[in-house]
Amino acid sequence: MNSLPSTQELLAFQDRWVRPAGLLAVLGALIFGVALILQQPGVGEDDAERLTNFNDHATQLILSQGILQCIAMLMFTVPLYVLFKCAQGRAEQVKAALVGFAFIGPVLFGVSGVILTLGLNDVSDKFVEQVPAKEREARQEATTAAGEQPQGEGPAAKGQTTTSPTTTTPEATTTTPETAAEAEENAAEELADDLIDDSGTVQTGALLRFPAVLGLVIGLIYIPLWAMRTGLLTRFWATLGMALGASLILIPFGIIGVVIWLAALGFMLLGWWPGPRPPAWEAGVAIPWPRPGEGPGGPDEPPPSGTVEGSGREIAEPPLPEDRVEEPPSESQGQRRRKRKRRN
């Protein structure tokens, strides 16, 4: 377990870093959004079309898919780091070594994007240079195959004699040959696939995406979890962040939801979100959110509502003789008292 800093030290850290972290989160989300808009010209139905479009808009796509997205992801490391440190300063159970996941995922994701765009730029140049010859060759082969097909059917057309009219077998039927346009399209797609598979730069960038996504998933689950446990994030926003982080494994465009969540986190850190921040921020200590059925102090403290059984007296007061009823003096006792008075 890590040793907790003093409340004054933690609040001083927050004063220095919370607002800059929020500003970087909002700016990073804006830059990422601009990058998504600028990379639209690179969209295509297949690899051949995407490489052609990349070659036509190389500078714009390198800037958007590579540089701008990398800058945005690097900015996101700061709010994740600050949120981790603020949670760590309030709970001894937070593992200090896991602070690296505030950096591993975003940094690898941004670096992989730069490497991928540089590799695609090189591959697109080769594709545009080689595809005309490949398409011309495929077109010639398709034209030759189409021209040879009637010659193969000549003997049957001329009525050559056969031993029996039932000797026609399924092997005698042929598939429909490719047209010249289909042959060109298939040749271009095969060339694009071969160039991408043979590019070491593209493959390196693609391989880096796996640890990048894995690092983002771990960071976006662990950090919001402890932010919720220490009272820095509400249950809703912490759970949403963890769900969006886990979605990166299954949803290709899940990173967009993560960016939106980080932008909302930035507004919270800046104090621009509707409503005040959770009280744990100002208190400098952990104020966990009570679970359903618990009081504000945790599981040992009952809810404030409801009736409390008791007599309403302080514990130090002696018990009242509520269950004891004094009997009136009997006649014999009264007679004895009168006799004593007469004797005196």
Protein backbone atom coordinates (compact mmCIF):
# COMPACT_ATOMS: atom_id res chain seq x y z
CA MET A 1 0.00 0.00 0.00
CA ASN A 2 1.16 3.51 -0.76
CA SER A 3 1.49 6.14 1.94
CA LEU A 4 -1.06 8.91 1.60
CA PRO A 5 0.10 12.52 1.31
CA SER A 6 -1.24 15.12 3.65
CA THR A 7 -4.47 16.87 2.79
CA GLN A 8 -2.61 20.12 2.16
CA GLU A 9 -0.20 18.43 -0.27
CA LEU A 10 -3.04 16.77 -2.16
CA LEU A 11 -5.03 19.98 -2.44
CA ALA A 12 -1.91 21.83 -3.61
CA PHE A 13 -1.39 19.19 -6.32
CA GLN A 14 -5.00 19.60 -7.41
CA ASP A 15 -4.67 23.39 -7.56
CA ARG A 16 -1.68 23.06 -9.90
CA TRP A 17 -2.91 20.32 -12.23
CA VAL A 18 -6.69 19.92 -12.26
CA ARG A 19 -7.54 22.87 -14.48
CA PRO A 20 -4.65 22.32 -16.96
CA ALA A 21 -5.65 18.66 -17.17
CA GLY A 22 -9.26 19.60 -17.91
CA LEU A 23 -8.17 22.07 -20.57
CA LEU A 24 -5.96 19.48 -22.29
CA ALA A 25 -8.81 16.95 -22.24
CA VAL A 26 -11.18 19.38 -23.97
CA LEU A 27 -8.57 20.51 -26.52
CA GLY A 28 -7.58 16.92 -27.22
CA ALA A 29 -11.19 16.01 -27.94
CA LEU A 30 -11.53 18.97 -30.31
CA ILE A 31 -8.34 18.06 -32.16
CA PHE A 32 -9.45 14.44 -32.44
CA GLY A 33 -12.79 15.57 -33.87
CA VAL A 34 -11.07 17.75 -36.47
CA ALA A 35 -8.85 14.80 -37.42
CA LEU A 36 -11.90 12.62 -37.99
CA ILE A 37 -13.38 15.20 -40.35
CA LEU A 38 -10.14 15.68 -42.31
CA GLN A 39 -9.63 11.95 -42.89
CA GLN A 40 -12.93 11.43 -44.70
CA PRO A 41 -11.33 11.61 -48.19
CA GLY A 42 -9.39 8.44 -47.37
CA VAL A 43 -12.52 6.32 -46.98
CA GLY A 44 -13.07 3.59 -49.59
CA GLU A 45 -14.94 0.37 -50.19
CA ASP A 46 -11.80 -1.78 -50.48
CA ASP A 47 -8.04 -1.55 -50.06
CA ALA A 48 -7.46 -0.60 -53.69
CA GLU A 49 -9.81 2.36 -53.48
CA ARG A 50 -8.44 3.44 -50.11
CA LEU A 51 -4.85 3.39 -51.40
CA THR A 52 -5.87 5.41 -54.44
CA ASN A 53 -7.63 7.98 -52.26
CA PHE A 54 -4.68 8.06 -49.84
CA ASN A 55 -2.32 8.85 -52.71
CA ASP A 56 -4.60 11.66 -53.90
CA HIS A 57 -4.84 13.24 -50.41
CA ALA A 58 -1.59 12.07 -48.83
CA THR A 59 -0.67 15.28 -47.00
CA GLN A 60 -4.14 15.74 -45.54
CA LEU A 61 -4.40 12.13 -44.40
CA ILE A 62 -0.93 12.03 -42.85
CA LEU A 63 -1.83 15.19 -40.93
CA SER A 64 -5.22 13.91 -39.75
CA GLN A 65 -4.76 10.16 -39.24
CA GLY A 66 -1.22 10.46 -37.99
CA ILE A 67 -0.11 13.76 -36.50
CA LEU A 68 -3.35 15.27 -35.16
CA GLN A 69 -4.62 12.03 -33.66
CA CYS A 70 -1.25 11.42 -32.04
CA ILE A 71 -1.24 14.91 -30.49
CA ALA A 72 -4.76 14.38 -29.17
CA MET A 73 -3.91 11.03 -27.60
CA LEU A 74 -0.82 12.48 -25.94
CA MET A 75 -2.99 15.25 -24.44
CA PHE A 76 -5.31 12.64 -22.94
CA THR A 77 -2.50 11.23 -20.82
CA VAL A 78 -2.54 14.31 -18.57
CA PRO A 79 -6.17 14.12 -17.34
CA LEU A 80 -5.87 10.36 -16.86
CA TYR A 81 -2.66 10.84 -14.85
CA VAL A 82 -4.15 13.61 -12.70
CA LEU A 83 -7.29 11.56 -12.00
CA PHE A 84 -5.11 8.58 -11.03
CA LYS A 85 -2.93 10.66 -8.66
CA CYS A 86 -5.95 12.29 -7.03
CA ALA A 87 -7.46 8.86 -6.38
CA GLN A 88 -4.11 7.48 -5.20
CA GLY A 89 -3.78 10.35 -2.70
CA ARG A 90 -7.10 9.33 -1.13
CA ALA A 91 -6.81 5.53 -1.02
CA GLU A 92 -3.86 3.38 0.04
CA GLN A 93 -5.17 0.46 -2.01
CA VAL A 94 -4.41 2.15 -5.35
CA LYS A 95 -1.40 0.45 -6.94
CA ALA A 96 1.24 3.07 -7.74
CA ALA A 97 2.79 0.92 -10.48
CA LEU A 98 -0.44 0.99 -12.49
CA VAL A 99 -0.03 4.71 -13.15
CA GLY A 100 1.77 3.62 -16.32
CA PHE A 101 -1.58 2.70 -17.89
CA ALA A 102 -2.43 6.39 -17.99
CA PHE A 103 0.33 6.65 -20.62
CA ILE A 104 0.79 3.22 -22.28
CA GLY A 105 -2.52 3.08 -24.12
CA PRO A 106 -2.74 6.68 -25.41
CA VAL A 107 0.95 6.89 -26.37
CA LEU A 108 0.99 3.58 -28.25
CA PHE A 109 -2.28 4.43 -29.98
CA GLY A 110 -0.93 7.76 -31.22
CA VAL A 111 2.45 6.33 -32.27
CA SER A 112 0.81 3.45 -34.12
CA GLY A 113 -1.30 5.94 -36.06
CA VAL A 114 1.77 7.85 -37.22
CA ILE A 115 3.56 4.65 -38.27
CA LEU A 116 0.49 3.39 -40.13
CA THR A 117 0.04 6.59 -42.12
CA LEU A 118 3.70 6.70 -43.10
CA GLY A 119 3.52 3.08 -44.22
CA LEU A 120 0.30 3.65 -46.17
CA ASN A 121 1.86 6.66 -47.87
CA ASP A 122 4.70 4.49 -49.16
CA VAL A 123 2.35 1.66 -50.14
CA SER A 124 -0.01 4.02 -51.97
CA ASP A 125 2.86 5.39 -54.06
CA LYS A 126 3.85 1.87 -55.11
CA PHE A 127 0.24 0.94 -55.79
CA VAL A 128 -0.41 3.90 -58.06
CA GLU A 129 2.83 3.18 -59.92
CA GLN A 130 2.20 -0.56 -60.44
CA VAL A 131 -1.58 -0.82 -60.82
CA PRO A 132 -1.84 0.35 -64.48
CA ALA A 133 0.39 -2.50 -65.68
CA LYS A 134 -1.49 -5.03 -63.52
CA GLU A 135 -4.85 -3.86 -64.82
CA ARG A 136 -3.63 -3.91 -68.43
CA GLU A 137 -2.32 -7.44 -68.04
CA ALA A 138 -5.56 -8.63 -66.39
CA ARG A 139 -7.62 -6.99 -69.15
CA GLN A 140 -5.61 -8.72 -71.86
CA GLU A 141 -5.95 -12.10 -70.17
CA ALA A 142 -9.71 -11.64 -69.81
CA THR A 143 -10.03 -10.63 -73.48
CA THR A 144 -7.95 -13.60 -74.62
CA ALA A 145 -10.00 -16.01 -72.46
CA ALA A 146 -13.23 -14.60 -73.87
CA GLY A 147 -11.91 -14.97 -77.43
CA GLU A 148 -10.86 -18.62 -76.92
CA GLN A 149 -14.21 -19.70 -75.50
CA PRO A 150 -16.10 -19.99 -78.86
CA GLN A 151 -13.21 -22.02 -80.37
CA GLY A 152 -13.57 -24.56 -77.57
CA GLU A 153 -17.20 -24.97 -78.48
CA GLY A 154 -16.55 -25.34 -82.24
CA PRO A 155 -16.75 -29.09 -82.61
CA ALA A 156 -20.11 -29.28 -80.96
CA ALA A 157 -21.38 -26.42 -83.10
CA LYS A 158 -20.30 -28.14 -86.30
CA GLY A 159 -22.22 -31.26 -85.35
CA GLN A 160 -19.41 -33.80 -84.85
CA THR A 161 -20.71 -37.33 -84.40
CA THR A 162 -20.62 -38.92 -80.99
CA THR A 163 -21.28 -42.45 -79.84
CA SER A 164 -24.33 -41.43 -77.88
CA PRO A 165 -26.21 -38.19 -77.31
CA THR A 166 -26.08 -38.88 -73.55
CA THR A 167 -22.31 -38.67 -73.23
CA THR A 168 -22.39 -35.01 -72.22
CA THR A 169 -20.99 -34.72 -68.69
CA PRO A 170 -21.04 -31.83 -66.17
CA GLU A 171 -17.29 -31.37 -66.76
CA ALA A 172 -18.09 -30.10 -70.24
CA THR A 173 -19.79 -27.00 -68.84
CA THR A 174 -17.63 -23.95 -68.14
CA THR A 175 -18.04 -20.97 -65.79
CA THR A 176 -18.80 -17.55 -67.08
CA PRO A 177 -15.51 -15.81 -67.87
CA GLU A 178 -14.56 -12.53 -66.19
CA THR A 179 -15.23 -9.37 -68.05
CA ALA A 180 -12.39 -6.94 -68.64
CA ALA A 181 -13.72 -4.58 -65.93
CA GLU A 182 -14.00 -7.39 -63.37
CA ALA A 183 -10.50 -8.59 -64.16
CA GLU A 184 -9.06 -5.12 -63.69
CA GLU A 185 -10.86 -4.71 -60.34
CA ASN A 186 -9.68 -8.07 -59.04
CA ALA A 187 -6.11 -7.42 -60.15
CA ALA A 188 -6.07 -4.03 -58.40
CA GLU A 189 -7.42 -5.54 -55.17
CA GLU A 190 -4.86 -8.36 -55.22
CA LEU A 191 -2.04 -5.89 -55.78
CA ALA A 192 -3.25 -3.70 -52.88
CA ASP A 193 -3.44 -6.69 -50.54
CA ASP A 194 0.04 -7.90 -51.53
CA LEU A 195 1.63 -4.47 -51.05
CA ILE A 196 0.02 -4.01 -47.64
CA ASP A 197 1.06 -7.48 -46.49
CA ASP A 198 4.63 -6.92 -47.68
CA SER A 199 5.00 -3.51 -45.99
CA GLY A 200 6.94 -3.82 -42.73
CA THR A 201 5.95 -0.30 -41.70
CA VAL A 202 2.24 -0.96 -42.07
CA GLN A 203 2.50 -4.27 -40.25
CA THR A 204 4.44 -2.66 -37.39
CA GLY A 205 1.79 0.03 -36.98
CA ALA A 206 -0.97 -2.58 -37.04
CA LEU A 207 0.81 -4.73 -34.44
CA LEU A 208 1.19 -1.76 -32.10
CA ARG A 209 -2.58 -1.25 -32.11
CA PHE A 210 -3.15 -4.40 -30.04
CA PRO A 211 -1.09 -3.36 -26.97
CA ALA A 212 -2.40 0.18 -27.44
CA VAL A 213 -6.03 -0.95 -27.19
CA LEU A 214 -5.20 -3.30 -24.33
CA GLY A 215 -3.50 -0.49 -22.41
CA LEU A 216 -6.47 1.81 -22.98
CA VAL A 217 -8.89 -0.84 -21.75
CA ILE A 218 -6.96 -1.45 -18.52
CA GLY A 219 -6.43 2.26 -17.85
CA LEU A 220 -10.05 3.20 -18.56
CA ILE A 221 -11.29 0.50 -16.21
CA TYR A 222 -8.85 0.88 -13.30
CA ILE A 223 -8.68 4.68 -13.10
CA PRO A 224 -12.45 5.44 -13.20
CA LEU A 225 -13.06 2.55 -10.79
CA TRP A 226 -10.88 4.09 -8.09
CA ALA A 227 -12.09 7.58 -8.91
CA MET A 228 -15.58 6.31 -8.08
CA ARG A 229 -14.46 4.49 -4.92
CA THR A 230 -12.82 7.65 -3.59
CA GLY A 231 -15.76 9.87 -4.54
CA LEU A 232 -14.09 11.81 -7.38
CA LEU A 233 -16.54 10.57 -10.02
CA THR A 234 -20.17 9.65 -9.68
CA ARG A 235 -21.23 6.07 -10.20
CA PHE A 236 -22.80 6.94 -13.54
CA TRP A 237 -19.76 8.61 -15.10
CA ALA A 238 -17.28 6.09 -13.71
CA THR A 239 -19.35 3.15 -14.94
CA LEU A 240 -19.78 4.79 -18.34
CA GLY A 241 -16.03 5.30 -18.66
CA MET A 242 -15.33 1.66 -17.77
CA ALA A 243 -17.95 0.44 -20.26
CA LEU A 244 -16.55 2.59 -23.07
CA GLY A 245 -13.05 1.37 -22.30
CA ALA A 246 -14.14 -2.26 -22.49
CA SER A 247 -15.99 -1.56 -25.76
CA LEU A 248 -12.67 -0.92 -27.52
CA ILE A 249 -12.19 -4.68 -27.73
CA LEU A 250 -15.41 -5.30 -29.63
CA ILE A 251 -16.34 -2.03 -31.37
CA PRO A 252 -13.89 -0.68 -34.00
CA PHE A 253 -15.08 2.90 -33.53
CA GLY A 254 -15.31 2.70 -29.74
CA ILE A 255 -12.47 5.22 -29.48
CA ILE A 256 -14.95 7.95 -30.44
CA GLY A 257 -17.02 7.22 -27.32
CA VAL A 258 -13.86 7.27 -25.19
CA VAL A 259 -12.91 10.68 -26.59
CA ILE A 260 -16.37 12.06 -25.79
CA TRP A 261 -16.09 10.72 -22.22
CA LEU A 262 -12.68 12.33 -21.80
CA ALA A 263 -14.10 15.63 -23.05
CA ALA A 264 -16.85 15.41 -20.40
CA LEU A 265 -14.17 14.67 -17.79
CA GLY A 266 -12.33 17.78 -18.92
CA PHE A 267 -15.44 19.93 -18.42
CA MET A 268 -15.83 18.47 -14.92
CA LEU A 269 -12.22 19.22 -14.02
CA LEU A 270 -12.59 22.77 -15.31
CA GLY A 271 -15.80 23.28 -13.35
CA TRP A 272 -17.77 23.93 -16.54
CA TRP A 273 -20.06 20.93 -16.10
CA PRO A 274 -23.59 21.64 -14.81
CA GLY A 275 -23.65 21.21 -11.07
CA PRO A 276 -20.79 21.17 -8.56
CA ARG A 277 -18.01 18.63 -8.48
CA PRO A 278 -18.30 15.79 -5.94
CA PRO A 279 -17.37 16.90 -2.41
CA ALA A 280 -14.29 14.66 -2.29
CA TRP A 281 -12.45 17.14 -4.53
CA GLU A 282 -12.71 20.02 -2.06
CA ALA A 283 -12.33 17.89 1.07
CA GLY A 284 -9.00 16.37 0.00
CA VAL A 285 -10.03 12.97 1.37
CA ALA A 286 -11.99 10.01 0.07
CA ILE A 287 -15.75 10.31 0.42
CA PRO A 288 -17.04 7.03 -1.03
CA TRP A 289 -20.49 6.96 -2.54
CA PRO A 290 -22.87 4.96 -0.33
CA ARG A 291 -24.23 1.77 -1.75
CA PRO A 292 -27.99 1.21 -1.85
CA GLY A 293 -29.23 0.68 1.70
CA GLU A 294 -26.14 2.22 3.32
CA GLY A 295 -25.88 5.47 5.19
CA PRO A 296 -23.46 8.27 4.25
CA GLY A 297 -20.82 6.85 6.57
CA GLY A 298 -20.62 3.39 5.05
CA PRO A 299 -22.02 -0.02 5.86
CA ASP A 300 -21.63 0.37 9.65
CA GLU A 301 -23.79 3.49 9.76
CA PRO A 302 -27.54 3.02 9.27
CA PRO A 303 -29.56 5.38 7.12
CA PRO A 304 -30.64 8.58 8.93
CA SER A 305 -34.31 7.98 8.19
CA GLY A 306 -36.57 5.67 10.18
CA THR A 307 -37.57 5.30 13.82
CA VAL A 308 -35.18 4.59 16.67
CA GLU A 309 -36.35 2.49 19.59
CA GLY A 310 -35.58 3.65 23.14
CA SER A 311 -36.86 5.61 26.10
CA GLY A 312 -35.26 8.93 25.15
CA ARG A 313 -33.11 9.07 28.31
CA GLU A 314 -29.36 9.36 28.49
CA ILE A 315 -27.48 6.20 29.29
CA ALA A 316 -26.03 7.68 32.47
CA GLU A 317 -29.47 8.28 33.98
CA PRO A 318 -30.67 5.63 36.42
CA PRO A 319 -33.65 3.63 35.29
CA LEU A 320 -37.03 4.78 36.47
CA PRO A 321 -39.14 2.39 38.50
CA GLU A 322 -41.56 2.06 35.63
CA ASP A 323 -42.44 -1.56 36.30
CA ARG A 324 -42.67 -1.25 40.11
CA VAL A 325 -45.95 -0.10 41.71
CA GLU A 326 -45.93 0.94 45.35
CA GLU A 327 -48.72 -0.58 47.43
CA PRO A 328 -50.64 1.65 49.90
CA PRO A 329 -49.92 1.04 53.53
CA SER A 330 -52.11 -1.61 55.10
CA GLU A 331 -54.49 -0.92 58.01
CA SER A 332 -52.29 -2.72 60.52
CA GLN A 333 -49.38 -0.45 59.72
CA GLY A 334 -51.59 2.66 60.23
CA GLN A 335 -52.89 1.40 63.52
CA ARG A 336 -49.37 0.71 64.79
CA ARG A 337 -48.29 4.26 63.92
CA ARG A 338 -51.25 5.76 65.86
CA LYS A 339 -50.50 3.57 68.87
CA ARG A 340 -46.86 4.75 68.88
CA LYS A 341 -47.99 8.38 68.85
CA ARG A 342 -50.32 7.84 71.81
CA ARG A 343 -47.58 6.22 73.87
CA ASN A 344 -45.28 9.13 73.19
